[in-house]
Amino acid sequence: MRRKFLGMSQEGLAEVIDLTFQQVQKYERGSNRISASKLYEIARALKAPVAYFFEGYGETEAVEGFSESESEQFVHGFLMTTEGIELAEAFPRIRSAKLRRKVLELVRVLGESEDA
């Protein structure tokens, strides 16, 4: 998500950390483990502390009975996409609350028509 937020391609990140974009792809999908030294390089390339990649890790286990809902998982997955990031950045720039509500209603209606 951080790479996408910065507008960096997998190829761009791969070049900075001296890997192939396929390897970056495997890291992002969770197919391959990342060594501590490579994680450090990635964090530097993405201008983030190493701890950024562990935010929330272990916190859900500490709260008894907590499980992320299907809706929360869906929203999180969407926000990880390029469109999700673009939407999340653009929407708050709409200054008019009335206009934001109209945009939200339009999205709801379009989403419902896809379900039908």
C-alpha atoms as a PDB file:
ATOM      1  CA  MET A   1       0.000   0.000   0.000  1.00  0.00           C
ATOM      2  CA  ARG A   2       2.839   2.397   0.827  1.00  0.00           C
ATOM      3  CA  ARG A   3       4.429   1.824  -2.599  1.00  0.00           C
ATOM      4  CA  LYS A   4       1.122   2.533  -4.329  1.00  0.00           C
ATOM      5  CA  PHE A   5       0.504   5.579  -2.162  1.00  0.00           C
ATOM      6  CA  LEU A   6       3.845   7.000  -3.294  1.00  0.00           C
ATOM      7  CA  GLY A   7       2.965   6.284  -6.921  1.00  0.00           C
ATOM      8  CA  MET A   8       5.917   3.939  -7.270  1.00  0.00           C
ATOM      9  CA  SER A   9       5.715   0.965  -9.592  1.00  0.00           C
ATOM     10  CA  GLN A  10       6.927  -2.499  -8.670  1.00  0.00           C
ATOM     11  CA  GLU A  11       9.632  -2.014 -11.291  1.00  0.00           C
ATOM     12  CA  GLY A  12      10.694   1.258  -9.681  1.00  0.00           C
ATOM     13  CA  LEU A  13      10.938  -0.275  -6.224  1.00  0.00           C
ATOM     14  CA  ALA A  14      12.764  -3.308  -7.611  1.00  0.00           C
ATOM     15  CA  GLU A  15      15.352  -1.075  -9.250  1.00  0.00           C
ATOM     16  CA  VAL A  16      15.999   0.881  -6.057  1.00  0.00           C
ATOM     17  CA  ILE A  17      16.452  -2.260  -3.942  1.00  0.00           C
ATOM     18  CA  ASP A  18      18.327  -4.174  -6.669  1.00  0.00           C
ATOM     19  CA  LEU A  19      15.789  -6.939  -7.304  1.00  0.00           C
ATOM     20  CA  THR A  20      13.536  -8.006 -10.142  1.00  0.00           C
ATOM     21  CA  PHE A  21       9.977  -6.714 -10.205  1.00  0.00           C
ATOM     22  CA  GLN A  22       8.865 -10.354 -10.048  1.00  0.00           C
ATOM     23  CA  GLN A  23      10.548 -10.678  -6.661  1.00  0.00           C
ATOM     24  CA  VAL A  24       8.821  -7.522  -5.424  1.00  0.00           C
ATOM     25  CA  GLN A  25       5.556  -9.017  -6.687  1.00  0.00           C
ATOM     26  CA  LYS A  26       6.207 -12.204  -4.695  1.00  0.00           C
ATOM     27  CA  TYR A  27       6.974 -10.165  -1.563  1.00  0.00           C
ATOM     28  CA  GLU A  28       3.752  -8.190  -1.936  1.00  0.00           C
ATOM     29  CA  ARG A  29       1.658 -11.312  -2.442  1.00  0.00           C
ATOM     30  CA  GLY A  30       3.323 -13.007   0.512  1.00  0.00           C
ATOM     31  CA  SER A  31       4.685 -15.824  -1.654  1.00  0.00           C
ATOM     32  CA  ASN A  32       8.258 -15.199  -0.499  1.00  0.00           C
ATOM     33  CA  ARG A  33       9.602 -14.166   2.872  1.00  0.00           C
ATOM     34  CA  ILE A  34      11.546 -10.940   3.197  1.00  0.00           C
ATOM     35  CA  SER A  35      14.866 -10.908   5.010  1.00  0.00           C
ATOM     36  CA  ALA A  36      15.431  -8.267   7.671  1.00  0.00           C
ATOM     37  CA  SER A  37      18.089  -6.549   5.574  1.00  0.00           C
ATOM     38  CA  LYS A  38      15.815  -6.437   2.513  1.00  0.00           C
ATOM     39  CA  LEU A  39      12.925  -5.140   4.626  1.00  0.00           C
ATOM     40  CA  TYR A  40      15.229  -2.368   5.820  1.00  0.00           C
ATOM     41  CA  GLU A  41      16.097  -1.483   2.199  1.00  0.00           C
ATOM     42  CA  ILE A  42      12.414  -1.495   1.236  1.00  0.00           C
ATOM     43  CA  ALA A  43      11.554   0.753   4.182  1.00  0.00           C
ATOM     44  CA  ARG A  44      14.258   3.216   3.148  1.00  0.00           C
ATOM     45  CA  ALA A  45      13.099   3.153  -0.484  1.00  0.00           C
ATOM     46  CA  LEU A  46       9.522   3.802   0.612  1.00  0.00           C
ATOM     47  CA  LYS A  47      10.582   6.466   3.135  1.00  0.00           C
ATOM     48  CA  ALA A  48       8.927   4.626   6.009  1.00  0.00           C
ATOM     49  CA  PRO A  49      10.196   3.219   9.301  1.00  0.00           C
ATOM     50  CA  VAL A  50      10.514  -0.575   9.404  1.00  0.00           C
ATOM     51  CA  ALA A  51       7.818  -0.562  12.106  1.00  0.00           C
ATOM     52  CA  TYR A  52       5.351   0.714   9.466  1.00  0.00           C
ATOM     53  CA  PHE A  53       5.164  -2.808   8.044  1.00  0.00           C
ATOM     54  CA  PHE A  54       4.171  -4.231  11.427  1.00  0.00           C
ATOM     55  CA  GLU A  55       1.417  -1.743  12.330  1.00  0.00           C
ATOM     56  CA  GLY A  56      -1.505  -3.672  13.752  1.00  0.00           C
ATOM     57  CA  TYR A  57       0.402  -6.955  13.765  1.00  0.00           C
ATOM     58  CA  GLY A  58      -0.444  -8.912  16.865  1.00  0.00           C
ATOM     59  CA  GLU A  59      -2.962  -6.345  18.090  1.00  0.00           C
ATOM     60  CA  THR A  60      -5.961  -8.367  16.926  1.00  0.00           C
ATOM     61  CA  GLU A  61      -4.820 -11.437  18.856  1.00  0.00           C
ATOM     62  CA  ALA A  62      -4.648  -9.370  22.033  1.00  0.00           C
ATOM     63  CA  VAL A  63      -8.373  -8.549  21.912  1.00  0.00           C
ATOM     64  CA  GLU A  64     -10.360 -11.635  22.832  1.00  0.00           C
ATOM     65  CA  GLY A  65     -13.139 -12.493  20.418  1.00  0.00           C
ATOM     66  CA  PHE A  66     -12.101  -9.917  17.807  1.00  0.00           C
ATOM     67  CA  SER A  67     -12.313 -10.870  14.175  1.00  0.00           C
ATOM     68  CA  GLU A  68     -12.258  -8.513  11.236  1.00  0.00           C
ATOM     69  CA  SER A  69     -15.639  -8.565   9.512  1.00  0.00           C
ATOM     70  CA  GLU A  70     -16.019  -9.511   5.872  1.00  0.00           C
ATOM     71  CA  SER A  71     -16.946  -5.877   5.180  1.00  0.00           C
ATOM     72  CA  GLU A  72     -13.767  -4.607   6.879  1.00  0.00           C
ATOM     73  CA  GLN A  73     -11.672  -7.076   4.890  1.00  0.00           C
ATOM     74  CA  PHE A  74     -13.344  -5.934   1.666  1.00  0.00           C
ATOM     75  CA  VAL A  75     -12.752  -2.246   2.423  1.00  0.00           C
ATOM     76  CA  HIS A  76      -9.127  -2.877   3.374  1.00  0.00           C
ATOM     77  CA  GLY A  77      -8.614  -4.860   0.168  1.00  0.00           C
ATOM     78  CA  PHE A  78     -10.132  -2.054  -1.896  1.00  0.00           C
ATOM     79  CA  LEU A  79      -7.960   0.574  -0.225  1.00  0.00           C
ATOM     80  CA  MET A  80      -4.922  -1.475  -1.242  1.00  0.00           C
ATOM     81  CA  THR A  81      -5.778  -0.969  -4.941  1.00  0.00           C
ATOM     82  CA  THR A  82      -4.672   1.923  -7.106  1.00  0.00           C
ATOM     83  CA  GLU A  83      -8.290   3.045  -7.496  1.00  0.00           C
ATOM     84  CA  GLY A  84      -8.838   2.878  -3.747  1.00  0.00           C
ATOM     85  CA  ILE A  85      -5.813   5.052  -3.060  1.00  0.00           C
ATOM     86  CA  GLU A  86      -6.825   7.561  -5.742  1.00  0.00           C
ATOM     87  CA  LEU A  87     -10.376   7.735  -4.409  1.00  0.00           C
ATOM     88  CA  ALA A  88      -9.212   8.089  -0.806  1.00  0.00           C
ATOM     89  CA  GLU A  89      -6.919  10.964  -1.827  1.00  0.00           C
ATOM     90  CA  ALA A  90      -9.414  12.759  -4.093  1.00  0.00           C
ATOM     91  CA  PHE A  91     -12.631  12.510  -2.071  1.00  0.00           C
ATOM     92  CA  PRO A  92     -11.520  14.716   0.863  1.00  0.00           C
ATOM     93  CA  ARG A  93     -10.560  17.440  -1.632  1.00  0.00           C
ATOM     94  CA  ILE A  94     -14.248  17.975  -2.395  1.00  0.00           C
ATOM     95  CA  ARG A  95     -14.898  20.925  -0.116  1.00  0.00           C
ATOM     96  CA  SER A  96     -18.690  20.910  -0.282  1.00  0.00           C
ATOM     97  CA  ALA A  97     -20.300  18.440   2.146  1.00  0.00           C
ATOM     98  CA  LYS A  98     -23.420  18.463  -0.043  1.00  0.00           C
ATOM     99  CA  LEU A  99     -21.378  17.519  -3.102  1.00  0.00           C
ATOM    100  CA  ARG A 100     -19.549  14.773  -1.176  1.00  0.00           C
ATOM    101  CA  ARG A 101     -22.919  13.289  -0.186  1.00  0.00           C
ATOM    102  CA  LYS A 102     -24.040  13.379  -3.834  1.00  0.00           C
ATOM    103  CA  VAL A 103     -20.854  11.595  -4.938  1.00  0.00           C
ATOM    104  CA  LEU A 104     -21.384   8.989  -2.228  1.00  0.00           C
ATOM    105  CA  GLU A 105     -24.994   8.459  -3.317  1.00  0.00           C
ATOM    106  CA  LEU A 106     -23.871   8.087  -6.940  1.00  0.00           C
ATOM    107  CA  VAL A 107     -21.369   5.415  -5.922  1.00  0.00           C
ATOM    108  CA  ARG A 108     -24.043   3.602  -3.891  1.00  0.00           C
ATOM    109  CA  VAL A 109     -26.485   3.621  -6.813  1.00  0.00           C
ATOM    110  CA  LEU A 110     -23.826   2.427  -9.256  1.00  0.00           C
ATOM    111  CA  GLY A 111     -22.813  -0.329  -6.839  1.00  0.00           C
ATOM    112  CA  GLU A 112     -26.411  -1.472  -6.460  1.00  0.00           C
ATOM    113  CA  SER A 113     -26.917  -1.582 -10.222  1.00  0.00           C
ATOM    114  CA  GLU A 114     -23.856  -3.869 -10.495  1.00  0.00           C
ATOM    115  CA  ASP A 115     -25.404  -6.235  -7.932  1.00  0.00           C
ATOM    116  CA  ALA A 116     -28.706  -6.444  -9.817  1.00  0.00           C
END
